Amino acid sequence: MITTLPNLLTLSRIVVIPLVVAAFYLESPWDDWVPLGLFAYASITDFFDGYLARSWGQMSALGRFLDPIADKLLIATVILMLVALDRISGWHVLPAIVILLREILVSGLRQFLAEVRVSVPVSAMAKWKTGIQMVALGFLLASGSGDGVLPGVGTATLIGEYGLWVAAILTLYTGWDYLRAGRVHLGV
């Protein structure tokens, strides 16, 4: 049922994605803070939609379907925009690619496993990966203006870049973990 608060939060996360993209094209300093604010809203709703659905007993098939899609759309869109605008560049594009490839791989694996009626629950490590990924992307979103707010030259950028690498390492681990769990059903 769409009208539950958890489902509405998930849908709002999808609706905010085009607004995040549009906000990148605002004039400085709004081009840093508005996308960051929208991304922060989406990140917070990512936590609350699942938490509220479980605690209020409002888990639904629609929510289980939309939540991972909303997450992947948000993360992929922000990474692509940050790369396109050179806020992620050089060697730091590598962890961004790893994150995107893992998201596609796990989505395909989950779709296949759903067809054979096998559920793969989200692991605690995958939740940590998502949290670190969102914090890192948040720092990269604010890097233009945030570097002037935090002490030290380029601090927001460095935190974001190192966080992206940590998230990529966790991404590899959790992706392997999902593949290992699904391997039996893949016939390999």
Protein backbone atom coordinates (compact mmCIF):
# COMPACT_ATOMS: atom_id res chain seq x y z
CA MET A 1 0.00 0.00 0.00
CA ILE A 2 1.53 3.31 -1.11
CA THR A 3 -0.06 5.41 1.61
CA THR A 4 2.04 4.06 4.46
CA LEU A 5 4.62 6.53 5.77
CA PRO A 6 7.56 4.20 5.04
CA ASN A 7 6.47 3.84 1.41
CA LEU A 8 5.94 7.59 1.08
CA LEU A 9 9.45 8.20 2.44
CA THR A 10 10.87 5.76 -0.10
CA LEU A 11 8.95 7.41 -2.94
CA SER A 12 10.10 10.83 -1.79
CA ARG A 13 13.69 9.59 -2.07
CA ILE A 14 13.07 8.77 -5.74
CA VAL A 15 11.33 12.10 -6.37
CA VAL A 16 14.24 14.04 -4.85
CA ILE A 17 16.79 12.58 -7.31
CA PRO A 18 15.99 14.93 -10.23
CA LEU A 19 16.03 17.82 -7.76
CA VAL A 20 19.54 16.82 -6.65
CA VAL A 21 20.69 16.81 -10.28
CA ALA A 22 19.09 20.20 -10.96
CA ALA A 23 20.65 21.64 -7.79
CA PHE A 24 24.14 20.89 -9.12
CA TYR A 25 23.54 23.63 -11.69
CA LEU A 26 22.70 26.36 -9.19
CA GLU A 27 25.10 29.25 -8.78
CA SER A 28 27.85 29.00 -6.17
CA PRO A 29 27.63 28.44 -3.17
CA TRP A 30 24.15 26.93 -3.61
CA ASP A 31 25.54 24.31 -6.02
CA ASP A 32 27.21 22.67 -2.99
CA TRP A 33 24.73 23.13 -0.16
CA VAL A 34 21.39 22.48 -1.89
CA PRO A 35 22.42 19.12 -3.40
CA LEU A 36 23.96 18.23 -0.03
CA GLY A 37 20.74 19.11 1.80
CA LEU A 38 18.61 17.10 -0.62
CA PHE A 39 21.04 14.17 -0.45
CA ALA A 40 21.05 14.35 3.36
CA TYR A 41 17.24 14.27 3.35
CA ALA A 42 17.28 11.22 1.07
CA SER A 43 19.92 9.50 3.21
CA ILE A 44 17.93 10.08 6.39
CA THR A 45 14.73 8.77 4.79
CA ASP A 46 16.69 5.67 3.74
CA PHE A 47 17.17 4.88 7.42
CA PHE A 48 13.69 5.84 8.57
CA ASP A 49 11.63 4.09 5.89
CA GLY A 50 12.98 0.68 6.88
CA TYR A 51 13.04 1.42 10.59
CA LEU A 52 9.45 2.65 10.64
CA ALA A 53 8.20 -0.18 8.42
CA ARG A 54 9.67 -2.77 10.80
CA SER A 55 8.70 -1.06 14.05
CA TRP A 56 5.15 -0.19 12.92
CA GLY A 57 4.56 -3.52 11.20
CA GLN A 58 4.08 -1.80 7.83
CA MET A 59 6.51 -3.83 5.75
CA SER A 60 5.14 -4.30 2.26
CA ALA A 61 6.06 -5.87 -1.04
CA LEU A 62 6.11 -2.39 -2.59
CA GLY A 63 8.55 -1.16 0.06
CA ARG A 64 10.83 -4.19 -0.36
CA PHE A 65 10.78 -3.55 -4.12
CA LEU A 66 11.25 0.24 -4.10
CA ASP A 67 13.76 0.68 -1.26
CA PRO A 68 16.79 -0.91 -2.95
CA ILE A 69 15.89 0.76 -6.25
CA ALA A 70 15.68 4.17 -4.58
CA ASP A 71 19.06 3.58 -2.91
CA LYS A 72 20.78 2.54 -6.10
CA LEU A 73 19.26 5.37 -8.17
CA LEU A 74 20.31 7.96 -5.58
CA ILE A 75 23.86 6.66 -5.15
CA ALA A 76 24.43 6.14 -8.89
CA THR A 77 23.06 9.57 -9.78
CA VAL A 78 25.20 11.39 -7.22
CA ILE A 79 28.35 9.48 -8.19
CA LEU A 80 27.77 10.17 -11.89
CA MET A 81 27.14 13.87 -11.25
CA LEU A 82 30.24 14.17 -9.04
CA VAL A 83 32.39 12.52 -11.71
CA ALA A 84 30.83 14.61 -14.50
CA LEU A 85 31.59 17.81 -12.59
CA ASP A 86 35.15 16.68 -11.65
CA ARG A 87 34.44 16.49 -7.94
CA ILE A 88 35.51 12.86 -8.17
CA SER A 89 38.52 12.65 -10.46
CA GLY A 90 41.79 10.86 -11.05
CA TRP A 91 42.30 7.62 -9.15
CA HIS A 92 39.23 8.36 -7.03
CA VAL A 93 37.04 7.42 -10.00
CA LEU A 94 38.11 3.80 -9.42
CA PRO A 95 36.18 3.31 -6.15
CA ALA A 96 33.20 5.09 -7.72
CA ILE A 97 33.23 2.56 -10.56
CA VAL A 98 33.58 -0.33 -8.11
CA ILE A 99 30.54 0.93 -6.19
CA LEU A 100 28.46 1.32 -9.37
CA LEU A 101 29.43 -2.09 -10.73
CA ARG A 102 28.63 -3.81 -7.44
CA GLU A 103 25.23 -2.16 -7.29
CA ILE A 104 24.39 -3.42 -10.78
CA LEU A 105 25.73 -6.90 -10.02
CA VAL A 106 23.84 -7.26 -6.75
CA SER A 107 20.64 -5.94 -8.36
CA GLY A 108 20.90 -8.56 -11.08
CA LEU A 109 21.66 -11.28 -8.54
CA ARG A 110 18.71 -10.28 -6.37
CA GLN A 111 16.41 -10.25 -9.40
CA PHE A 112 17.56 -13.72 -10.43
CA LEU A 113 17.24 -15.09 -6.90
CA ALA A 114 13.76 -13.58 -6.55
CA GLU A 115 12.71 -15.49 -9.67
CA VAL A 116 13.79 -18.76 -8.02
CA ARG A 117 12.13 -17.61 -4.78
CA VAL A 118 15.31 -17.15 -2.77
CA SER A 119 15.60 -14.16 -0.48
CA VAL A 120 18.99 -12.65 0.32
CA PRO A 121 18.66 -10.40 3.35
CA VAL A 122 20.76 -7.25 3.64
CA SER A 123 23.76 -7.91 5.86
CA ALA A 124 24.92 -5.66 8.69
CA MET A 125 28.15 -5.04 6.75
CA ALA A 126 26.13 -3.90 3.72
CA LYS A 127 24.30 -1.41 5.94
CA TRP A 128 27.65 -0.07 7.18
CA LYS A 129 28.83 0.16 3.57
CA THR A 130 25.77 2.20 2.66
CA GLY A 131 26.25 4.51 5.64
CA ILE A 132 29.93 5.14 4.89
CA GLN A 133 29.14 5.61 1.21
CA MET A 134 26.49 8.22 1.99
CA VAL A 135 28.75 10.12 4.40
CA ALA A 136 31.60 10.09 1.86
CA LEU A 137 29.33 11.32 -0.92
CA GLY A 138 27.96 13.99 1.40
CA PHE A 139 31.48 15.34 2.00
CA LEU A 140 32.18 15.28 -1.73
CA LEU A 141 28.93 17.11 -2.42
CA ALA A 142 30.00 19.87 -0.03
CA SER A 143 33.65 19.83 -1.06
CA GLY A 144 33.60 23.13 -2.94
CA SER A 145 32.22 25.16 -0.03
CA GLY A 146 32.93 22.63 2.72
CA ASP A 147 36.67 22.82 2.22
CA GLY A 148 36.48 26.47 3.30
CA VAL A 149 34.38 25.64 6.38
CA LEU A 150 36.43 22.76 7.80
CA PRO A 151 39.94 23.39 9.15
CA GLY A 152 42.78 22.38 6.85
CA VAL A 153 43.14 22.67 3.11
CA GLY A 154 40.76 20.37 1.24
CA THR A 155 39.55 18.59 4.37
CA ALA A 156 36.00 17.89 3.14
CA THR A 157 37.36 16.58 -0.15
CA LEU A 158 39.90 14.33 1.59
CA ILE A 159 37.30 12.91 3.96
CA GLY A 160 35.03 12.23 1.00
CA GLU A 161 37.76 10.63 -1.08
CA TYR A 162 39.05 8.39 1.71
CA GLY A 163 35.48 7.49 2.64
CA LEU A 164 34.81 6.52 -0.96
CA TRP A 165 37.78 4.13 -0.88
CA VAL A 166 36.59 2.59 2.40
CA ALA A 167 33.10 2.22 0.95
CA ALA A 168 34.55 0.58 -2.18
CA ILE A 169 36.46 -1.96 -0.07
CA LEU A 170 33.29 -2.77 1.87
CA THR A 171 31.44 -2.86 -1.45
CA LEU A 172 33.80 -5.55 -2.75
CA TYR A 173 33.44 -7.55 0.44
CA THR A 174 29.64 -7.38 0.57
CA GLY A 175 29.33 -8.01 -3.16
CA TRP A 176 31.46 -11.14 -2.78
CA ASP A 177 29.37 -12.15 0.22
CA TYR A 178 26.14 -11.86 -1.82
CA LEU A 179 27.68 -13.79 -4.72
CA ARG A 180 28.82 -16.52 -2.35
CA ALA A 181 25.33 -16.77 -0.86
CA GLY A 182 23.70 -16.91 -4.29
CA ARG A 183 26.28 -19.20 -5.89
CA VAL A 184 24.39 -22.38 -5.01
CA HIS A 185 21.33 -21.14 -6.85
CA LEU A 186 23.33 -19.99 -9.87
CA GLY A 187 24.65 -23.50 -10.51
CA VAL A 188 28.34 -22.54 -10.24
